[in-house]
């Protein structure tokens, strides 16, 4: 007894018992010689991966400029060589320095912020497709940038990091208790249908094994930051965010945290280090305002930033 396939030719059913052999042969070939993954951007075969933990070919990955840990501003994480630094502009005596933007900023509430790559034309187009045109299949790529930056600048305790301890000592990096994200106002959320910072934060949290919670809410709608110049962005978000003081007592807020339900409240109240996730760091006003609000809600907490691009 054999399996037969039904083909349609001119509206009539035609039995073709030979196709089963072709299908089985193809499956056997694929099992012996697995087909390579296709690039999420260009669709070409990915024979070897680069820095990012996602299906991106080396050609597409080369179009992004990654931020090297030894050539960035200690404060905001922008590309900034030590030779460009200003006198006395070092936080901890390391060879990095503070860029002029950070030196000009008055009060900062972030311990520091880090980004994966520069905001070049390729990154600009990628984020625009995802954020403004709703191309959400790009989320895994952008989340991969966050994971890459996390593994360089923050300590994590998932399986992958434990296996790599012998290669890269992370004892000097901060251990993060919680990940949060920059919120959207309800009107903007209705317009865009999703919060890109929240979606990326949750993908990051799932990958590194750190709980994610919405600690902030936006209480006043503002004009899009992309429509403002630098001076307009610096104070545009003043008094627009509010700390969700009830987050430790709301069952839904921490529902996605990777911890048992009986430990959620006590773990939340003991939070000491928090990373705020956003897609882009431009002037730093958004992250700084978010950190300011969090510091008032949890005064003893250390607040860090993490973005895809700078």
Protein backbone atom coordinates (compact mmCIF):
# COMPACT_ATOMS: atom_id res chain seq x y z
CA UNK A 1 0.00 0.00 0.00
CA UNK A 2 1.44 3.36 -0.92
CA UNK A 3 0.70 6.98 -0.07
CA UNK A 4 -0.64 9.00 -2.97
CA UNK A 5 -0.89 12.71 -3.51
CA UNK A 6 -3.70 14.56 -5.15
CA UNK A 7 -2.80 17.04 -7.85
CA UNK A 8 -5.15 19.43 -9.55
CA UNK A 9 -4.98 19.56 -13.34
CA UNK A 10 -7.71 21.39 -15.12
CA UNK A 11 -10.06 20.83 -12.22
CA UNK A 12 -9.64 17.03 -12.21
CA UNK A 13 -8.02 15.07 -9.39
CA UNK A 14 -4.97 13.12 -10.53
CA UNK A 15 -3.18 10.58 -8.34
CA UNK A 16 0.61 10.79 -8.40
CA UNK A 17 2.24 8.02 -6.30
CA UNK A 18 5.73 9.03 -7.45
CA UNK A 19 5.86 12.31 -5.51
CA UNK A 20 6.19 10.52 -2.19
CA UNK A 21 9.61 9.26 -3.21
CA UNK A 22 10.75 12.73 -4.16
CA UNK A 23 9.52 14.14 -0.84
CA UNK A 24 11.21 11.43 1.23
CA UNK A 25 14.45 11.82 -0.73
CA UNK A 26 14.42 15.59 -0.14
CA UNK A 27 13.87 15.09 3.59
CA UNK A 28 16.76 12.63 3.73
CA UNK A 29 19.05 15.11 1.94
CA UNK A 30 18.02 17.91 4.33
CA UNK A 31 18.72 15.65 7.30
CA UNK A 32 22.19 14.72 6.04
CA UNK A 33 23.01 18.21 4.78
CA UNK A 34 20.99 20.70 6.88
CA UNK A 35 20.04 23.89 5.08
CA UNK A 36 21.58 27.06 6.57
CA UNK A 37 19.35 29.64 8.24
CA UNK A 38 18.36 32.64 6.17
CA UNK A 39 19.24 36.20 7.20
CA UNK A 40 16.35 38.07 8.81
CA UNK A 41 17.20 41.20 6.82
CA UNK A 42 18.32 40.15 3.34
CA UNK A 43 17.16 36.53 3.19
CA UNK A 44 20.56 35.18 2.16
CA UNK A 45 21.97 32.03 3.74
CA UNK A 46 23.74 32.50 7.08
CA UNK A 47 26.76 30.18 7.08
CA UNK A 48 28.54 31.90 9.97
CA UNK A 49 27.24 34.30 12.58
CA UNK A 50 29.04 37.35 13.90
CA UNK A 51 28.56 39.24 17.16
CA UNK A 52 24.78 39.19 17.39
CA UNK A 53 22.83 36.21 18.79
CA UNK A 54 20.33 36.16 15.90
CA UNK A 55 20.04 35.10 12.27
CA UNK A 56 21.96 37.94 10.64
CA UNK A 57 24.52 37.38 7.91
CA UNK A 58 27.98 38.90 8.20
CA UNK A 59 27.31 41.27 5.32
CA UNK A 60 24.24 42.79 6.98
CA UNK A 61 25.93 42.89 10.38
CA UNK A 62 28.88 44.78 8.89
CA UNK A 63 26.53 47.66 8.06
CA UNK A 64 26.25 48.49 11.77
CA UNK A 65 28.93 50.22 13.83
CA UNK A 66 29.28 48.54 17.21
CA UNK A 67 30.38 50.52 20.23
CA UNK A 68 33.64 49.15 21.61
CA UNK A 69 33.84 49.05 25.40
CA UNK A 70 37.24 50.78 25.46
CA UNK A 71 36.28 53.66 23.16
CA UNK A 72 33.12 55.09 24.69
CA UNK A 73 32.10 57.84 27.08
CA UNK A 74 31.86 56.53 30.64
CA UNK A 75 28.60 58.35 31.19
CA UNK A 76 26.39 57.96 28.13
CA UNK A 77 28.21 55.24 26.19
CA UNK A 78 28.67 57.23 22.98
CA UNK A 79 31.70 56.66 20.76
CA UNK A 80 34.39 58.69 22.53
CA UNK A 81 38.10 57.99 22.49
CA UNK A 82 40.30 58.77 25.50
CA UNK A 83 42.38 61.15 23.40
CA UNK A 84 39.24 63.25 22.87
CA UNK A 85 38.45 63.39 26.58
CA UNK A 86 38.25 66.54 28.66
CA UNK A 87 40.64 67.03 31.62
CA UNK A 88 39.32 65.50 34.82
CA UNK A 89 36.51 63.84 32.96
CA UNK A 90 36.91 60.32 34.30
CA UNK A 91 34.43 58.70 36.66
CA UNK A 92 36.53 55.92 38.14
CA UNK A 93 40.08 56.64 36.96
CA UNK A 94 39.83 54.31 33.96
CA UNK A 95 41.22 55.19 30.56
CA UNK A 96 37.81 56.23 29.27
CA UNK A 97 36.51 59.75 29.77
CA UNK A 98 33.39 61.86 29.80
CA UNK A 99 32.17 63.42 26.56
CA UNK A 100 31.24 67.12 26.35
CA UNK A 101 27.50 66.33 26.36
CA UNK A 102 27.80 64.61 29.74
CA UNK A 103 30.05 67.38 31.09
CA UNK A 104 27.46 70.00 30.14
CA UNK A 105 24.58 68.09 31.70
CA UNK A 106 23.66 69.41 35.12
CA UNK A 107 22.32 66.66 37.35
CA UNK A 108 22.26 63.08 36.14
CA UNK A 109 20.42 60.28 37.90
CA UNK A 110 21.84 57.43 35.83
CA UNK A 111 24.90 55.61 37.09
CA UNK A 112 25.72 55.19 33.41
CA UNK A 113 24.08 54.17 30.15
CA UNK A 114 25.32 51.80 27.47
CA UNK A 115 24.30 51.12 23.87
CA UNK A 116 25.08 48.40 21.36
CA UNK A 117 25.74 50.43 18.20
CA UNK A 118 25.83 53.92 16.74
CA UNK A 119 22.74 55.50 15.22
CA UNK A 120 23.97 55.36 11.64
CA UNK A 121 21.74 55.34 8.55
CA UNK A 122 21.30 51.57 8.59
CA UNK A 123 20.26 51.58 12.25
CA UNK A 124 18.01 54.59 11.68
CA UNK A 125 16.13 52.77 8.92
CA UNK A 126 15.90 49.56 10.94
CA UNK A 127 14.40 51.29 13.98
CA UNK A 128 12.05 53.37 11.82
CA UNK A 129 10.68 50.23 10.15
CA UNK A 130 10.09 48.62 13.51
CA UNK A 131 8.93 51.59 15.56
CA UNK A 132 6.93 53.73 13.14
CA UNK A 133 5.91 51.29 10.40
CA UNK A 134 5.05 48.43 12.72
CA UNK A 135 7.41 45.85 11.20
CA UNK A 136 7.51 43.79 14.39
CA UNK A 137 9.33 40.85 12.84
CA UNK A 138 12.44 43.01 13.31
CA UNK A 139 12.07 42.84 17.11
CA UNK A 140 14.39 39.80 17.50
CA UNK A 141 17.17 41.66 15.65
CA UNK A 142 16.90 44.77 17.82
CA UNK A 143 16.64 42.61 20.95
CA UNK A 144 19.83 40.84 19.84
CA UNK A 145 21.61 44.22 19.93
CA UNK A 146 20.43 44.69 23.53
CA UNK A 147 21.59 41.19 24.48
CA UNK A 148 24.97 41.89 22.91
CA UNK A 149 25.36 45.12 24.92
CA UNK A 150 24.06 43.47 28.09
CA UNK A 151 26.66 40.71 27.88
CA UNK A 152 29.40 43.33 27.60
CA UNK A 153 28.27 45.76 30.29
CA UNK A 154 26.04 43.95 32.80
CA UNK A 155 26.34 40.78 34.81
CA UNK A 156 23.94 37.94 34.13
CA UNK A 157 23.53 34.51 35.64
CA UNK A 158 22.03 32.52 32.80
CA UNK A 159 23.62 29.33 31.50
CA UNK A 160 25.47 31.00 28.65
CA UNK A 161 27.21 33.51 30.90
CA UNK A 162 28.30 30.84 33.39
CA UNK A 163 29.90 28.84 30.62
CA UNK A 164 31.84 31.87 29.42
CA UNK A 165 33.17 32.98 32.83
CA UNK A 166 36.50 31.41 32.11
CA UNK A 167 36.80 33.49 28.95
CA UNK A 168 35.48 36.84 30.23
CA UNK A 169 35.59 37.83 33.90
CA UNK A 170 32.45 39.81 34.74
CA UNK A 171 33.05 40.18 38.46
CA UNK A 172 33.38 43.98 38.13
CA UNK A 173 30.03 44.40 36.37
CA UNK A 174 26.85 45.37 38.25
CA UNK A 175 24.38 42.58 39.05
CA UNK A 176 20.96 43.72 37.85
CA UNK A 177 17.86 42.95 39.92
CA UNK A 178 15.21 44.23 37.54
CA UNK A 179 14.66 45.50 34.00
CA UNK A 180 12.13 48.22 33.27
CA UNK A 181 11.39 50.33 30.19
CA UNK A 182 10.38 53.80 29.05
CA UNK A 183 6.56 53.94 28.93
CA UNK A 184 4.26 55.37 26.26
CA UNK A 185 1.27 57.59 26.89
CA UNK A 186 -2.05 55.85 26.24
CA UNK A 187 -2.73 58.04 23.21
CA UNK A 188 0.62 57.16 21.62
CA UNK A 189 0.17 53.49 22.51
CA UNK A 190 -3.22 53.52 20.77
CA UNK A 191 -1.63 55.11 17.69
CA UNK A 192 1.35 52.75 17.52
CA UNK A 193 -0.44 49.64 18.96
CA UNK A 194 2.67 48.56 20.88
CA UNK A 195 5.44 49.97 23.06
CA UNK A 196 8.72 49.18 21.36
CA UNK A 197 10.74 49.68 24.55
CA UNK A 198 8.55 47.24 26.48
CA UNK A 199 8.64 44.60 23.75
CA UNK A 200 12.43 44.77 23.52
CA UNK A 201 12.82 44.79 27.31
CA UNK A 202 10.74 41.62 27.64
CA UNK A 203 12.72 39.85 24.92
CA UNK A 204 15.92 40.87 26.70
CA UNK A 205 14.65 39.76 30.10
CA UNK A 206 13.64 36.36 28.76
CA UNK A 207 17.09 35.91 27.19
CA UNK A 208 19.18 36.91 30.23
CA UNK A 209 16.89 35.57 32.97
CA UNK A 210 16.17 38.89 34.71
CA UNK A 211 12.62 39.93 35.70
CA UNK A 212 10.91 42.72 33.77
CA UNK A 213 8.36 45.11 35.26
CA UNK A 214 6.66 48.33 34.19
CA UNK A 215 7.73 50.66 37.00
CA UNK A 216 6.84 53.87 35.18
CA UNK A 217 3.80 55.39 33.53
CA UNK A 218 3.52 58.43 31.31
CA UNK A 219 0.90 60.83 32.66
CA UNK A 220 1.12 63.56 30.02
CA UNK A 221 1.33 63.24 26.25
CA UNK A 222 4.23 65.04 24.56
CA UNK A 223 5.24 65.81 21.00
CA UNK A 224 7.43 63.18 19.37
CA UNK A 225 11.07 63.58 20.37
CA UNK A 226 12.12 62.99 16.77
CA UNK A 227 10.47 66.29 15.83
CA UNK A 228 12.56 68.34 18.27
CA UNK A 229 16.08 69.71 18.22
CA UNK A 230 18.53 69.04 21.03
CA UNK A 231 17.48 72.02 23.14
CA UNK A 232 13.84 71.13 22.78
CA UNK A 233 14.46 67.55 23.89
CA UNK A 234 16.40 68.37 27.05
CA UNK A 235 13.39 69.40 29.15
CA UNK A 236 10.46 68.14 27.05
CA UNK A 237 9.81 65.20 29.38
CA UNK A 238 10.03 67.06 32.70
CA UNK A 239 7.19 65.96 35.00
CA UNK A 240 5.68 63.62 32.41
CA UNK A 241 6.52 60.31 34.14
CA UNK A 242 5.27 58.82 37.36
CA UNK A 243 6.56 55.95 39.47
CA UNK A 244 4.11 53.08 39.88
CA UNK A 245 4.28 52.79 43.66
CA UNK A 246 1.84 49.90 43.64
CA UNK A 247 3.91 47.67 41.32
CA UNK A 248 5.02 45.37 44.14
CA UNK A 249 1.42 44.72 45.17
CA UNK A 250 -0.16 44.29 41.77
CA UNK A 251 -0.25 40.68 40.61
CA UNK A 252 -0.34 41.67 36.94
CA UNK A 253 2.61 44.03 36.93
CA UNK A 254 5.22 41.38 37.74
CA UNK A 255 3.38 38.54 36.04
CA UNK A 256 6.17 38.09 33.51
CA UNK A 257 8.98 38.11 36.07
CA UNK A 258 11.06 34.96 36.23
CA UNK A 259 10.42 34.31 39.92
CA UNK A 260 7.92 32.35 41.97
CA UNK A 261 4.69 34.15 42.85
CA UNK A 262 5.31 33.98 46.61
CA UNK A 263 8.64 35.80 46.23
CA UNK A 264 7.53 38.58 43.86
CA UNK A 265 6.58 41.18 46.44
CA UNK A 266 9.62 40.68 48.68
CA UNK A 267 11.95 40.59 45.65
CA UNK A 268 10.45 43.79 44.25
CA UNK A 269 10.85 45.66 47.54
CA UNK A 270 14.51 44.58 47.74
CA UNK A 271 15.34 45.87 44.26
CA UNK A 272 18.65 47.72 44.30
CA UNK A 273 19.88 47.82 40.69
CA UNK A 274 17.60 48.59 37.76
CA UNK A 275 18.23 48.87 34.03
CA UNK A 276 15.95 51.11 31.97
CA UNK A 277 15.56 49.94 28.36
CA UNK A 278 14.81 52.19 25.38
CA UNK A 279 15.49 52.02 21.67
CA UNK A 280 17.62 55.17 21.15
CA UNK A 281 19.76 57.40 23.35
CA UNK A 282 19.90 60.86 21.76
CA UNK A 283 20.33 63.59 24.37
CA UNK A 284 19.69 61.28 27.32
CA UNK A 285 16.78 63.40 28.59
CA UNK A 286 14.31 60.50 28.43
CA UNK A 287 16.47 58.08 30.39
CA UNK A 288 17.56 60.77 32.85
CA UNK A 289 13.95 61.75 33.60
CA UNK A 290 13.02 58.08 34.00
CA UNK A 291 15.96 57.55 36.37
CA UNK A 292 14.97 60.68 38.34
CA UNK A 293 11.45 59.31 38.89
CA UNK A 294 12.74 55.86 39.84
CA UNK A 295 15.22 57.34 42.34
CA UNK A 296 12.36 59.12 44.06
CA UNK A 297 10.38 55.89 44.18
CA UNK A 298 13.33 53.70 45.27
CA UNK A 299 15.92 56.14 46.72
CA UNK A 300 18.59 53.52 47.43
CA UNK A 301 18.45 52.01 43.93
CA UNK A 302 21.21 52.35 41.34
CA UNK A 303 19.78 53.11 37.93
CA UNK A 304 21.45 52.16 34.62
CA UNK A 305 20.43 52.66 31.00
CA UNK A 306 20.54 50.32 28.02
CA UNK A 307 19.58 51.20 24.45
CA UNK A 308 19.96 49.68 21.04
CA UNK A 309 21.58 52.74 19.50
CA UNK A 310 23.47 55.86 20.60
